[in-house]
């Protein structure tokens, strides 16, 4: 079985990275270059953005 990946541009460094081919919009992946969490914002064509920091709401 092959490990299907696709190329995408790391929005922080501009480097080309390999990500799983079956990613979906809204999915969070870790950049193999910086370790930063990236959010998939589009899949055709593939587009990544730095994932927003989640703020704690503590149930408020």
PDB file of N, CA and C in Angstrom:
ATOM      1  N   UNK A   1       0.847  -1.182   0.000  1.00  0.00           N
ATOM      2  CA  UNK A   1       0.000   0.000   0.000  1.00  0.00           C
ATOM      3  C   UNK A   1       0.891   1.243   0.000  1.00  0.00           C
ATOM      4  N   UNK A   2       0.538   2.207  -0.828  1.00  0.00           N
ATOM      5  CA  UNK A   2       1.337   3.417  -0.913  1.00  0.00           C
ATOM      6  C   UNK A   2       0.800   4.470   0.042  1.00  0.00           C
ATOM      7  N   UNK A   3       1.694   5.340   0.454  1.00  0.00           N
ATOM      8  CA  UNK A   3       1.320   6.439   1.330  1.00  0.00           C
ATOM      9  C   UNK A   3       1.047   7.649   0.436  1.00  0.00           C
ATOM     10  N   UNK A   4      -0.218   7.854   0.050  1.00  0.00           N
ATOM     11  CA  UNK A   4      -0.566   8.912  -0.887  1.00  0.00           C
ATOM     12  C   UNK A   4      -0.471  10.274  -0.235  1.00  0.00           C
ATOM     13  N   UNK A   5       0.360  11.133  -0.826  1.00  0.00           N
ATOM     14  CA  UNK A   5       0.502  12.495  -0.341  1.00  0.00           C
ATOM     15  C   UNK A   5       0.389  13.449  -1.521  1.00  0.00           C
ATOM     16  N   UNK A   6       0.133  14.704  -1.186  1.00  0.00           N
ATOM     17  CA  UNK A   6       0.102  15.759  -2.186  1.00  0.00           C
ATOM     18  C   UNK A   6       0.993  16.898  -1.705  1.00  0.00           C
ATOM     19  N   UNK A   7       1.430  17.713  -2.641  1.00  0.00           N
ATOM     20  CA  UNK A   7       2.270  18.858  -2.300  1.00  0.00           C
ATOM     21  C   UNK A   7       1.392  20.058  -1.965  1.00  0.00           C
ATOM     22  N   UNK A   8       1.840  20.809  -0.982  1.00  0.00           N
ATOM     23  CA  UNK A   8       1.162  22.047  -0.602  1.00  0.00           C
ATOM     24  C   UNK A   8       2.235  23.023  -0.150  1.00  0.00           C
ATOM     25  N   UNK A   9       1.892  24.303  -0.144  1.00  0.00           N
ATOM     26  CA  UNK A   9       2.854  25.313   0.296  1.00  0.00           C
ATOM     27  C   UNK A   9       2.628  25.639   1.761  1.00  0.00           C
ATOM     28  N   UNK A  10       3.711  25.562   2.541  1.00  0.00           N
ATOM     29  CA  UNK A  10       3.643  25.962   3.942  1.00  0.00           C
ATOM     30  C   UNK A  10       3.452  27.478   3.963  1.00  0.00           C
ATOM     31  N   UNK A  11       2.339  27.964   4.545  1.00  0.00           N
ATOM     32  CA  UNK A  11       2.062  29.406   4.498  1.00  0.00           C
ATOM     33  C   UNK A  11       3.026  30.240   5.338  1.00  0.00           C
ATOM     34  N   UNK A  12       3.783  29.618   6.195  1.00  0.00           N
ATOM     35  CA  UNK A  12       4.702  30.359   7.045  1.00  0.00           C
ATOM     36  C   UNK A  12       6.064  30.517   6.374  1.00  0.00           C
ATOM     37  N   UNK A  13       6.568  29.425   5.804  1.00  0.00           N
ATOM     38  CA  UNK A  13       7.914  29.457   5.225  1.00  0.00           C
ATOM     39  C   UNK A  13       7.912  29.535   3.708  1.00  0.00           C
ATOM     40  N   UNK A  14       6.801  29.168   3.079  1.00  0.00           N
ATOM     41  CA  UNK A  14       6.748  29.118   1.625  1.00  0.00           C
ATOM     42  C   UNK A  14       7.343  27.834   1.063  1.00  0.00           C
ATOM     43  N   UNK A  15       7.818  26.951   1.944  1.00  0.00           N
ATOM     44  CA  UNK A  15       8.382  25.677   1.505  1.00  0.00           C
ATOM     45  C   UNK A  15       7.283  24.756   1.008  1.00  0.00           C
ATOM     46  N   UNK A  16       7.648  23.892   0.056  1.00  0.00           N
ATOM     47  CA  UNK A  16       6.705  22.879  -0.394  1.00  0.00           C
ATOM     48  C   UNK A  16       6.750  21.720   0.597  1.00  0.00           C
ATOM     49  N   UNK A  17       5.578  21.313   1.072  1.00  0.00           N
ATOM     50  CA  UNK A  17       5.494  20.214   2.032  1.00  0.00           C
ATOM     51  C   UNK A  17       4.583  19.130   1.470  1.00  0.00           C
ATOM     52  N   UNK A  18       4.705  17.949   2.000  1.00  0.00           N
ATOM     53  CA  UNK A  18       3.852  16.830   1.614  1.00  0.00           C
ATOM     54  C   UNK A  18       2.824  16.611   2.717  1.00  0.00           C
ATOM     55  N   UNK A  19       1.565  16.526   2.314  1.00  0.00           N
ATOM     56  CA  UNK A  19       0.491  16.275   3.270  1.00  0.00           C
ATOM     57  C   UNK A  19      -0.345  15.104   2.759  1.00  0.00           C
ATOM     58  N   UNK A  20      -1.096  14.456   3.627  1.00  0.00           N
ATOM     59  CA  UNK A  20      -1.928  13.334   3.174  1.00  0.00           C
ATOM     60  C   UNK A  20      -2.892  13.767   2.075  1.00  0.00           C
ATOM     61  N   UNK A  21      -3.070  12.935   1.070  1.00  0.00           N
ATOM     62  CA  UNK A  21      -3.930  13.262  -0.070  1.00  0.00           C
ATOM     63  C   UNK A  21      -5.403  13.303   0.303  1.00  0.00           C
ATOM     64  N   UNK A  22      -5.764  12.678   1.434  1.00  0.00           N
ATOM     65  CA  UNK A  22      -7.178  12.602   1.798  1.00  0.00           C
ATOM     66  C   UNK A  22      -7.585  13.636   2.849  1.00  0.00           C
ATOM     67  N   UNK A  23      -6.831  14.747   2.953  1.00  0.00           N
ATOM     68  CA  UNK A  23      -7.204  15.777   3.928  1.00  0.00           C
ATOM     69  C   UNK A  23      -8.532  16.409   3.538  1.00  0.00           C
ATOM     70  N   UNK A  24      -9.227  16.955   4.532  1.00  0.00           N
ATOM     71  CA  UNK A  24     -10.508  17.609   4.314  1.00  0.00           C
ATOM     72  C   UNK A  24     -10.441  19.035   4.837  1.00  0.00           C
ATOM     73  N   UNK A  25     -11.294  19.899   4.303  1.00  0.00           N
ATOM     74  CA  UNK A  25     -11.366  21.286   4.763  1.00  0.00           C
ATOM     75  C   UNK A  25     -11.655  21.297   6.258  1.00  0.00           C
ATOM     76  N   UNK A  26     -10.915  22.119   6.986  1.00  0.00           N
ATOM     77  CA  UNK A  26     -11.095  22.230   8.426  1.00  0.00           C
ATOM     78  C   UNK A  26     -10.160  21.343   9.211  1.00  0.00           C
ATOM     79  N   UNK A  27      -9.489  20.421   8.529  1.00  0.00           N
ATOM     80  CA  UNK A  27      -8.568  19.510   9.215  1.00  0.00           C
ATOM     81  C   UNK A  27      -7.310  20.266   9.637  1.00  0.00           C
ATOM     82  N   UNK A  28      -6.773  19.910  10.789  1.00  0.00           N
ATOM     83  CA  UNK A  28      -5.546  20.513  11.301  1.00  0.00           C
ATOM     84  C   UNK A  28      -4.408  19.511  11.111  1.00  0.00           C
ATOM     85  N   UNK A  29      -3.318  19.986  10.515  1.00  0.00           N
ATOM     86  CA  UNK A  29      -2.132  19.149  10.341  1.00  0.00           C
ATOM     87  C   UNK A  29      -0.936  19.893  10.905  1.00  0.00           C
ATOM     88  N   UNK A  30       0.111  19.168  11.229  1.00  0.00           N
ATOM     89  CA  UNK A  30       1.339  19.794  11.699  1.00  0.00           C
ATOM     90  C   UNK A  30       2.288  19.972  10.532  1.00  0.00           C
ATOM     91  N   UNK A  31       2.875  21.165  10.423  1.00  0.00           N
ATOM     92  CA  UNK A  31       3.862  21.412   9.377  1.00  0.00           C
ATOM     93  C   UNK A  31       5.109  20.588   9.655  1.00  0.00           C
ATOM     94  N   UNK A  32       5.576  19.817   8.660  1.00  0.00           N
ATOM     95  CA  UNK A  32       6.818  19.062   8.866  1.00  0.00           C
ATOM     96  C   UNK A  32       8.046  19.966   8.908  1.00  0.00           C
ATOM     97  N   UNK A  33       7.900  21.216   8.482  1.00  0.00           N
ATOM     98  CA  UNK A  33       9.020  22.159   8.460  1.00  0.00           C
ATOM     99  C   UNK A  33       9.152  22.884   9.795  1.00  0.00           C
ATOM    100  N   UNK A  34       8.037  23.464  10.274  1.00  0.00           N
ATOM    101  CA  UNK A  34       8.090  24.307  11.470  1.00  0.00           C
ATOM    102  C   UNK A  34       7.422  23.676  12.684  1.00  0.00           C
ATOM    103  N   UNK A  35       6.605  22.647  12.472  1.00  0.00           N
ATOM    104  CA  UNK A  35       5.866  22.050  13.578  1.00  0.00           C
ATOM    105  C   UNK A  35       4.617  22.834  13.932  1.00  0.00           C
ATOM    106  N   UNK A  36       4.370  23.914  13.221  1.00  0.00           N
ATOM    107  CA  UNK A  36       3.203  24.758  13.463  1.00  0.00           C
ATOM    108  C   UNK A  36       1.945  24.041  13.002  1.00  0.00           C
ATOM    109  N   UNK A  37       0.845  24.237  13.726  1.00  0.00           N
ATOM    110  CA  UNK A  37      -0.422  23.666  13.296  1.00  0.00           C
ATOM    111  C   UNK A  37      -0.963  24.480  12.131  1.00  0.00           C
ATOM    112  N   UNK A  38      -1.330  23.766  11.056  1.00  0.00           N
ATOM    113  CA  UNK A  38      -1.883  24.391   9.864  1.00  0.00           C
ATOM    114  C   UNK A  38      -3.286  23.868   9.637  1.00  0.00           C
ATOM    115  N   UNK A  39      -4.168  24.750   9.178  1.00  0.00           N
ATOM    116  CA  UNK A  39      -5.540  24.358   8.884  1.00  0.00           C
ATOM    117  C   UNK A  39      -5.729  24.270   7.378  1.00  0.00           C
ATOM    118  N   UNK A  40      -6.384  23.203   6.932  1.00  0.00           N
ATOM    119  CA  UNK A  40      -6.719  23.058   5.512  1.00  0.00           C
ATOM    120  C   UNK A  40      -7.939  23.940   5.262  1.00  0.00           C
ATOM    121  N   UNK A  41      -7.783  24.964   4.394  1.00  0.00           N
ATOM    122  CA  UNK A  41      -8.893  25.883   4.133  1.00  0.00           C
ATOM    123  C   UNK A  41      -9.533  25.637   2.771  1.00  0.00           C
ATOM    124  N   UNK A  42      -8.871  24.867   1.916  1.00  0.00           N
ATOM    125  CA  UNK A  42      -9.430  24.490   0.614  1.00  0.00           C
ATOM    126  C   UNK A  42      -8.698  23.242   0.133  1.00  0.00           C
ATOM    127  N   UNK A  43      -9.386  22.435  -0.669  1.00  0.00           N
ATOM    128  CA  UNK A  43      -8.748  21.219  -1.160  1.00  0.00           C
ATOM    129  C   UNK A  43      -8.572  21.200  -2.678  1.00  0.00           C
ATOM    130  N   UNK A  44      -9.190  22.114  -3.411  1.00  0.00           N
ATOM    131  CA  UNK A  44      -9.043  22.121  -4.865  1.00  0.00           C
ATOM    132  C   UNK A  44      -9.017  23.537  -5.392  1.00  0.00           C
ATOM    133  N   UNK A  45      -7.855  24.171  -5.463  1.00  0.00           N
ATOM    134  CA  UNK A  45      -6.541  23.607  -5.113  1.00  0.00           C
ATOM    135  C   UNK A  45      -6.325  23.623  -3.598  1.00  0.00           C
ATOM    136  N   UNK A  46      -5.338  22.858  -3.162  1.00  0.00           N
ATOM    137  CA  UNK A  46      -5.040  22.761  -1.731  1.00  0.00           C
ATOM    138  C   UNK A  46      -4.549  24.109  -1.210  1.00  0.00           C
ATOM    139  N   UNK A  47      -5.078  24.532  -0.085  1.00  0.00           N
ATOM    140  CA  UNK A  47      -4.648  25.786   0.531  1.00  0.00           C
ATOM    141  C   UNK A  47      -4.581  25.588   2.035  1.00  0.00           C
ATOM    142  N   UNK A  48      -3.486  26.072   2.614  1.00  0.00           N
ATOM    143  CA  UNK A  48      -3.272  25.951   4.056  1.00  0.00           C
ATOM    144  C   UNK A  48      -3.122  27.335   4.664  1.00  0.00           C
ATOM    145  N   UNK A  49      -3.538  27.481   5.903  1.00  0.00           N
ATOM    146  CA  UNK A  49      -3.319  28.701   6.674  1.00  0.00           C
ATOM    147  C   UNK A  49      -2.864  28.288   8.064  1.00  0.00           C
ATOM    148  N   UNK A  50      -2.173  29.204   8.739  1.00  0.00           N
ATOM    149  CA  UNK A  50      -1.798  28.925  10.125  1.00  0.00           C
ATOM    150  C   UNK A  50      -3.075  28.774  10.933  1.00  0.00           C
ATOM    151  N   UNK A  51      -3.162  27.692  11.684  1.00  0.00           N
ATOM    152  CA  UNK A  51      -4.374  27.429  12.472  1.00  0.00           C
ATOM    153  C   UNK A  51      -4.512  28.484  13.563  1.00  0.00           C
ATOM    154  N   UNK A  52      -5.735  28.958  13.786  1.00  0.00           N
ATOM    155  CA  UNK A  52      -5.932  29.954  14.854  1.00  0.00           C
ATOM    156  C   UNK A  52      -5.687  29.321  16.212  1.00  0.00           C
ATOM    157  N   UNK A  53      -5.185  30.123  17.127  1.00  0.00           N
ATOM    158  CA  UNK A  53      -4.993  29.644  18.492  1.00  0.00           C
ATOM    159  C   UNK A  53      -6.366  29.449  19.122  1.00  0.00           C
ATOM    160  N   UNK A  54      -6.565  28.324  19.734  1.00  0.00           N
ATOM    161  CA  UNK A  54      -7.825  28.087  20.428  1.00  0.00           C
ATOM    162  C   UNK A  54      -7.778  28.755  21.782  1.00  0.00           C
ATOM    163  N   UNK A  55      -8.794  29.539  22.058  1.00  0.00           N
ATOM    164  CA  UNK A  55      -8.835  30.217  23.357  1.00  0.00           C
ATOM    165  C   UNK A  55      -9.725  29.426  24.301  1.00  0.00           C
ATOM    166  N   UNK A  56      -9.299  29.367  25.527  1.00  0.00           N
ATOM    167  CA  UNK A  56     -10.074  28.655  26.544  1.00  0.00           C
ATOM    168  C   UNK A  56     -11.281  29.512  26.913  1.00  0.00           C
ATOM    169  N   UNK A  57     -12.472  28.911  26.896  1.00  0.00           N
ATOM    170  CA  UNK A  57     -13.632  29.663  27.333  1.00  0.00           C
ATOM    171  C   UNK A  57     -14.122  29.221  28.709  1.00  0.00           C
ATOM    172  N   UNK A  58     -13.567  28.124  29.201  1.00  0.00           N
ATOM    173  CA  UNK A  58     -13.887  27.606  30.519  1.00  0.00           C
ATOM    174  C   UNK A  58     -15.382  27.526  30.774  1.00  0.00           C
ATOM    175  N   UNK A  59     -16.137  27.255  29.690  1.00  0.00           N
ATOM    176  CA  UNK A  59     -17.568  27.054  29.827  1.00  0.00           C
ATOM    177  C   UNK A  59     -18.366  28.327  30.017  1.00  0.00           C
ATOM    178  N   UNK A  60     -17.747  29.455  29.776  1.00  0.00           N
ATOM    179  CA  UNK A  60     -18.457  30.736  29.962  1.00  0.00           C
ATOM    180  C   UNK A  60     -19.211  31.127  28.717  1.00  0.00           C
TER     181      UNK A  60
END
